[in-house]
Amino acid sequence: MSFNTPVLFLTYKRYKKAIRVFNTIKKIKPNKLYFASNAPKDESEIKAVQKVRDICKKINWKCKLTTIFYSKHMLVKDSIPASINFFFKKEKQGIILEDDVLPSQSFYFFCQKMLKIFKNKKKISCISGSSFLKKRGKSNIYFSKYTHIWGWATWRSRWKNYDPYIKFWPKFKKSKIFKNLNSNVYEYNYWKNIYDKTYLKKLNTWDYAWQACSWYKNQLSIVPSISLAQNIGYELNAEHTISRYKFVKKKTQKKTDFYIPKKISRNIKNDWFDFKYHYRSGYLTGPERTVYYMKFFFKDPVLFLIQLKKKLRYFFN
């Protein structure tokens, strides 16, 4: 039996990771697969990129394959939105996976079910497959202000609100919506700093803008209380993810039945947990920050120095 929700697979040059993710796609056999591939930066990457592109030849089920192979290398902040734009010109809804996000089989069916149930609920901007909670709550899903994109899904009607330049930011940061979403001073300062840099085009990423657009529209995302997708991109030369925190590396869960809350309301408690642990550096201050970084240094000095270098580059850009 084939899977009738279109899937967009975003790749670059990491074959070992890409093939692992592709094998999960292969198991569910989607009717439609969009295979996006960024172009190599230089001649040294040509073979690696081509090897990833050749994964398409491993499709052995009835499938409409659409390839999005770029001829010129693009920055992450440009290549991923370009692929998603192409995807939603063709499809009304779908699942988006990057080559470093390994989903469980349950992830696909979870997204497909949520896409159907919340199709006409404009309050919902997207469906996230990853979760950072340590304990499952009373409900199997909750509604969050955070648009986690380690395996996610959305609709054309929501993606059309995406503005990579967040032109609305100068006025929005003074709005009640932004202040209510970030009533804690740590959260407020953290996200204000992030979006100031996003607005000034100082960050090579696209997902902050996607989240800002969701906030601007006063929308929420659906998050499972147990993680259905795992980030496998944690390596020292990763573009953005170099942390080794245990909670983000936990195994994905197998789950097929989900209790759906009748009321769409934000879970403030879970969002605060996400902020403290997923966006950790925005919360720790003073003595707490000192203790945290001391523990980090003694546990993994090499990773500590790499992360310190990236943080310094981030703040002084």
Protein backbone atom coordinates (compact mmCIF):
# COMPACT_ATOMS: atom_id res chain seq x y z
CA MET A 1 0.00 0.00 0.00
CA SER A 2 1.45 3.37 -1.04
CA PHE A 3 1.54 6.59 0.97
CA ASN A 4 -0.53 9.40 -0.56
CA THR A 5 1.00 12.49 1.10
CA PRO A 6 3.74 14.14 -1.02
CA VAL A 7 7.23 14.18 0.51
CA LEU A 8 9.97 16.74 -0.12
CA PHE A 9 13.48 15.42 0.59
CA LEU A 10 16.17 18.11 0.95
CA THR A 11 19.76 16.95 0.35
CA TYR A 12 23.27 18.17 -0.28
CA LYS A 13 26.46 16.06 -0.01
CA ARG A 14 26.14 13.78 3.04
CA TYR A 15 25.45 10.38 1.49
CA LYS A 16 25.64 8.27 4.66
CA LYS A 17 22.98 10.36 6.37
CA ALA A 18 20.86 10.88 3.26
CA ILE A 19 20.63 7.16 2.49
CA ARG A 20 19.45 6.42 6.04
CA VAL A 21 16.65 8.97 5.68
CA PHE A 22 15.82 7.75 2.17
CA ASN A 23 15.43 4.20 3.46
CA THR A 24 12.65 5.38 5.77
CA ILE A 25 10.97 7.04 2.79
CA LYS A 26 11.39 3.82 0.83
CA LYS A 27 9.48 1.89 3.48
CA ILE A 28 6.36 4.04 3.25
CA LYS A 29 6.49 4.27 -0.58
CA PRO A 30 5.05 7.76 -1.20
CA ASN A 31 3.11 8.27 -4.43
CA LYS A 32 4.96 11.54 -4.95
CA LEU A 33 8.56 12.29 -3.99
CA TYR A 34 10.34 15.58 -4.57
CA PHE A 35 14.11 15.19 -4.38
CA ALA A 36 15.96 18.50 -3.91
CA SER A 37 19.73 18.74 -4.17
CA ASN A 38 21.91 21.79 -3.62
CA ALA A 39 24.80 22.20 -6.06
CA PRO A 40 28.44 21.66 -5.00
CA LYS A 41 30.39 24.68 -3.80
CA ASP A 42 33.42 23.70 -5.84
CA GLU A 43 34.96 20.78 -7.77
CA SER A 44 35.91 18.95 -4.58
CA GLU A 45 32.21 18.38 -3.79
CA ILE A 46 31.02 17.25 -7.22
CA LYS A 47 31.37 13.51 -6.59
CA ALA A 48 29.77 13.69 -3.15
CA VAL A 49 26.76 15.63 -4.44
CA GLN A 50 26.35 13.30 -7.43
CA LYS A 51 26.45 10.26 -5.18
CA VAL A 52 23.57 11.69 -3.17
CA ARG A 53 21.63 12.51 -6.34
CA ASP A 54 22.05 8.93 -7.53
CA ILE A 55 19.96 7.81 -4.56
CA CYS A 56 17.00 8.53 -6.84
CA LYS A 57 17.96 5.44 -8.82
CA LYS A 58 17.10 3.32 -5.79
CA ILE A 59 13.37 4.08 -6.10
CA ASN A 60 11.80 0.67 -6.71
CA TRP A 61 8.13 1.43 -6.17
CA LYS A 62 5.50 3.19 -8.27
CA CYS A 63 6.27 6.83 -7.63
CA LYS A 64 6.10 10.18 -9.39
CA LEU A 65 9.59 11.53 -8.87
CA THR A 66 10.32 15.24 -9.29
CA THR A 67 13.96 16.28 -9.03
CA ILE A 68 15.06 19.78 -8.03
CA PHE A 69 18.75 19.71 -8.88
CA TYR A 70 20.39 23.12 -8.61
CA SER A 71 23.21 23.99 -11.03
CA LYS A 72 24.60 26.76 -8.83
CA HIS A 73 25.38 26.46 -5.12
CA MET A 74 23.07 28.36 -2.80
CA LEU A 75 23.29 29.29 0.86
CA VAL A 76 21.10 27.31 3.23
CA LYS A 77 18.86 30.33 3.85
CA ASP A 78 18.13 30.43 0.10
CA SER A 79 18.23 26.82 -1.09
CA ILE A 80 15.72 25.33 1.36
CA PRO A 81 13.00 28.00 0.93
CA ALA A 82 13.48 27.81 -2.86
CA SER A 83 12.83 24.06 -2.77
CA ILE A 84 9.81 24.45 -0.50
CA ASN A 85 8.44 27.19 -2.77
CA PHE A 86 8.73 24.84 -5.75
CA PHE A 87 7.11 22.02 -3.76
CA PHE A 88 4.06 24.09 -2.81
CA LYS A 89 3.57 25.44 -6.31
CA LYS A 90 2.78 21.83 -7.19
CA GLU A 91 1.21 20.50 -3.97
CA LYS A 92 -1.41 21.76 -1.51
CA GLN A 93 0.18 20.02 1.46
CA GLY A 94 3.16 17.83 2.23
CA ILE A 95 5.97 16.57 4.43
CA ILE A 96 9.43 18.17 4.46
CA LEU A 97 12.55 16.25 5.48
CA GLU A 98 16.18 17.30 5.51
CA ASP A 99 18.95 14.77 5.01
CA ASP A 100 20.01 14.89 8.66
CA VAL A 101 16.59 14.16 10.16
CA LEU A 102 15.82 10.48 10.68
CA PRO A 103 12.08 9.88 11.17
CA SER A 104 10.33 6.84 12.57
CA GLN A 105 7.62 5.24 10.45
CA SER A 106 5.06 6.74 12.83
CA PHE A 107 6.24 10.22 11.85
CA TYR A 108 4.85 9.93 8.34
CA PHE A 109 1.43 8.70 9.42
CA PHE A 110 1.30 11.26 12.22
CA CYS A 111 1.91 14.09 9.74
CA GLN A 112 -0.60 12.68 7.27
CA LYS A 113 -3.26 12.43 9.97
CA MET A 114 -2.63 15.93 11.34
CA LEU A 115 -2.61 17.45 7.85
CA LYS A 116 -6.09 16.04 7.31
CA ILE A 117 -7.54 16.93 10.72
CA PHE A 118 -6.21 20.50 10.86
CA LYS A 119 -6.44 21.34 7.18
CA ASN A 120 -9.02 24.08 7.71
CA LYS A 121 -7.76 25.24 11.12
CA LYS A 122 -5.91 28.40 10.10
CA LYS A 123 -4.66 28.80 13.67
CA ILE A 124 -2.19 25.97 12.94
CA SER A 125 0.86 26.83 10.85
CA CYS A 126 2.70 23.52 10.82
CA ILE A 127 3.13 20.02 12.23
CA SER A 128 6.44 19.18 13.91
CA GLY A 129 7.83 15.67 14.18
CA SER A 130 10.42 16.32 16.88
CA SER A 131 9.83 16.86 20.57
CA PHE A 132 12.20 17.93 23.33
CA LEU A 133 10.07 17.07 26.35
CA LYS A 134 11.55 14.74 28.94
CA LYS A 135 8.17 13.42 30.04
CA ARG A 136 5.00 12.82 28.11
CA GLY A 137 2.03 14.91 29.22
CA LYS A 138 -1.61 13.92 29.51
CA SER A 139 -2.11 14.53 25.80
CA ASN A 140 -0.19 12.90 22.97
CA ILE A 141 0.17 16.23 21.21
CA TYR A 142 0.28 19.85 22.31
CA PHE A 143 0.14 23.25 20.64
CA SER A 144 3.31 25.32 20.68
CA LYS A 145 4.60 28.70 19.54
CA TYR A 146 7.73 26.92 18.31
CA THR A 147 7.93 25.64 14.74
CA HIS A 148 10.43 22.80 15.14
CA ILE A 149 11.57 21.70 11.67
CA TRP A 150 13.39 18.42 12.41
CA GLY A 151 10.85 16.63 10.26
CA TRP A 152 7.70 18.65 9.68
CA ALA A 153 4.68 19.21 7.47
CA THR A 154 2.46 22.08 6.41
CA TRP A 155 0.03 23.34 3.81
CA ARG A 156 0.46 25.62 0.81
CA SER A 157 -1.99 28.06 2.39
CA ARG A 158 0.30 28.45 5.44
CA TRP A 159 3.60 28.51 3.58
CA LYS A 160 2.40 31.39 1.41
CA ASN A 161 2.79 33.58 4.53
CA TYR A 162 6.54 32.94 4.58
CA ASP A 163 8.60 36.11 4.26
CA PRO A 164 12.36 35.44 4.42
CA TYR A 165 13.03 39.14 5.02
CA ILE A 166 10.44 39.46 7.83
CA LYS A 167 9.65 42.97 6.64
CA PHE A 168 7.04 43.23 9.37
CA TRP A 169 9.62 42.89 12.17
CA PRO A 170 10.27 46.58 13.10
CA LYS A 171 6.59 47.05 13.96
CA PHE A 172 5.87 43.53 15.13
CA LYS A 173 8.52 43.54 17.86
CA LYS A 174 6.58 46.36 19.53
CA SER A 175 3.26 44.51 19.28
CA LYS A 176 1.23 42.88 22.04
CA ILE A 177 1.37 39.54 20.23
CA PHE A 178 5.17 39.40 20.38
CA LYS A 179 5.27 40.57 23.99
CA ASN A 180 2.57 38.09 25.07
CA LEU A 181 4.37 35.22 23.36
CA ASN A 182 7.58 36.17 25.17
CA SER A 183 6.41 37.48 28.52
CA ASN A 184 9.55 36.23 30.25
CA VAL A 185 12.38 38.75 30.00
CA TYR A 186 14.92 36.06 28.98
CA GLU A 187 12.73 34.86 26.13
CA TYR A 188 11.90 38.38 25.04
CA ASN A 189 15.55 39.48 24.84
CA TYR A 190 16.66 36.24 23.23
CA TRP A 191 14.12 36.32 20.40
CA LYS A 192 14.41 40.07 19.91
CA ASN A 193 18.14 39.58 19.33
CA ILE A 194 17.56 36.65 16.96
CA TYR A 195 15.01 38.50 14.84
CA ASP A 196 17.02 41.70 14.78
CA LYS A 197 19.83 39.69 13.21
CA THR A 198 17.42 37.87 10.89
CA TYR A 199 15.97 41.19 9.71
CA LEU A 200 19.48 42.56 9.10
CA LYS A 201 20.36 39.39 7.09
CA LYS A 202 23.18 38.40 9.43
CA LEU A 203 22.14 34.75 9.79
CA ASN A 204 22.53 31.97 7.22
CA THR A 205 19.33 30.19 8.13
CA TRP A 206 15.70 30.26 7.01
CA ASP A 207 13.77 28.69 9.89
CA TYR A 208 13.85 31.70 12.22
CA ALA A 209 11.95 33.66 9.57
CA TRP A 210 9.41 30.83 9.25
CA GLN A 211 8.77 30.92 12.98
CA ALA A 212 8.54 34.72 12.99
CA CYS A 213 5.92 34.58 10.23
CA SER A 214 3.91 32.09 12.26
CA TRP A 215 4.06 34.39 15.28
CA TYR A 216 3.11 37.39 13.17
CA LYS A 217 -0.02 35.53 12.04
CA ASN A 218 -0.69 34.50 15.66
CA GLN A 219 -0.45 30.82 14.74
CA LEU A 220 0.67 27.71 16.61
CA SER A 221 2.28 24.43 15.62
CA ILE A 222 1.36 20.86 16.52
CA VAL A 223 4.07 19.01 18.46
CA PRO A 224 3.97 15.35 19.56
CA SER A 225 4.72 14.78 23.23
CA ILE A 226 7.13 12.01 22.19
CA SER A 227 9.75 12.52 19.51
CA LEU A 228 8.97 10.94 16.14
CA ALA A 229 12.13 12.17 14.42
CA GLN A 230 15.77 12.32 15.42
CA ASN A 231 18.43 14.76 14.30
CA ILE A 232 21.47 12.78 13.11
CA GLY A 233 23.42 15.84 11.94
CA TYR A 234 25.35 16.30 15.16
CA GLU A 235 28.96 16.43 14.09
CA LEU A 236 31.85 18.82 14.52
CA ASN A 237 31.62 20.18 10.97
CA ALA A 238 27.85 20.58 10.91
CA GLU A 239 26.50 23.87 9.57
CA HIS A 240 24.45 24.70 12.64
CA THR A 241 24.06 21.71 14.99
CA ILE A 242 27.17 20.86 16.98
CA SER A 243 25.70 20.28 20.42
CA ARG A 244 25.57 16.82 22.01
CA TYR A 245 22.86 17.36 24.60
CA LYS A 246 21.33 14.02 25.54
CA PHE A 247 17.71 15.08 25.28
CA VAL A 248 17.93 15.93 21.58
CA LYS A 249 19.60 12.64 20.74
CA LYS A 250 17.05 10.37 22.34
CA LYS A 251 15.64 7.61 20.17
CA THR A 252 12.52 8.21 18.16
CA GLN A 253 9.32 6.66 19.41
CA LYS A 254 6.90 4.33 17.66
CA LYS A 255 3.40 5.65 18.07
CA THR A 256 0.36 5.38 15.83
CA ASP A 257 -2.59 6.55 17.95
CA PHE A 258 -2.74 10.16 19.08
CA TYR A 259 -5.27 11.82 21.33
CA ILE A 260 -6.28 15.15 19.81
CA PRO A 261 -7.23 17.98 22.20
CA LYS A 262 -10.52 19.65 21.26
CA LYS A 263 -9.31 23.13 22.10
CA ILE A 264 -6.40 24.77 20.27
CA SER A 265 -4.50 26.62 22.95
CA ARG A 266 -0.79 27.09 23.53
CA ASN A 267 0.94 24.96 26.14
CA ILE A 268 2.97 27.65 27.90
CA LYS A 269 4.61 25.19 30.31
CA ASN A 270 6.00 23.03 27.49
CA ASP A 271 7.14 26.08 25.56
CA TRP A 272 9.08 27.29 28.58
CA PHE A 273 10.73 23.88 28.87
CA ASP A 274 11.68 24.09 25.17
CA PHE A 275 13.20 27.49 25.70
CA LYS A 276 15.22 26.47 28.75
CA TYR A 277 16.66 23.32 27.21
CA HIS A 278 16.48 23.63 23.44
CA TYR A 279 17.33 27.34 23.29
CA ARG A 280 19.40 26.99 26.45
CA SER A 281 21.89 29.83 25.96
CA GLY A 282 19.07 32.35 25.99
CA TYR A 283 18.01 31.32 29.49
CA LEU A 284 21.20 30.80 31.48
CA THR A 285 22.64 33.94 33.02
CA GLY A 286 25.28 34.90 35.56
CA PRO A 287 26.38 32.07 37.89
CA GLU A 288 24.15 29.52 36.11
CA ARG A 289 25.84 30.23 32.79
CA THR A 290 29.31 29.93 34.38
CA VAL A 291 28.52 26.56 35.96
CA TYR A 292 26.94 25.28 32.76
CA TYR A 293 29.92 26.17 30.57
CA MET A 294 32.41 24.79 33.09
CA LYS A 295 30.61 21.43 33.02
CA PHE A 296 30.42 21.61 29.22
CA PHE A 297 34.18 22.30 28.97
CA PHE A 298 35.26 19.42 31.22
CA LYS A 299 32.85 16.99 29.54
CA ASP A 300 33.84 17.81 25.95
CA PRO A 301 36.60 20.47 25.59
CA VAL A 302 36.91 20.10 21.80
CA LEU A 303 33.21 20.64 21.21
CA PHE A 304 33.22 23.48 23.75
CA LEU A 305 35.92 25.38 21.84
CA ILE A 306 34.15 24.85 18.52
CA GLN A 307 30.87 26.10 19.92
CA LEU A 308 32.59 29.06 21.57
CA LYS A 309 34.15 30.01 18.25
CA LYS A 310 30.78 29.87 16.51
CA LYS A 311 29.08 31.90 19.23
CA LEU A 312 31.76 34.59 19.05
CA ARG A 313 31.43 34.71 15.28
CA TYR A 314 27.63 34.96 15.67
CA PHE A 315 27.68 37.83 18.15
CA PHE A 316 30.39 39.87 16.46
CA ASN A 317 29.14 39.58 12.89
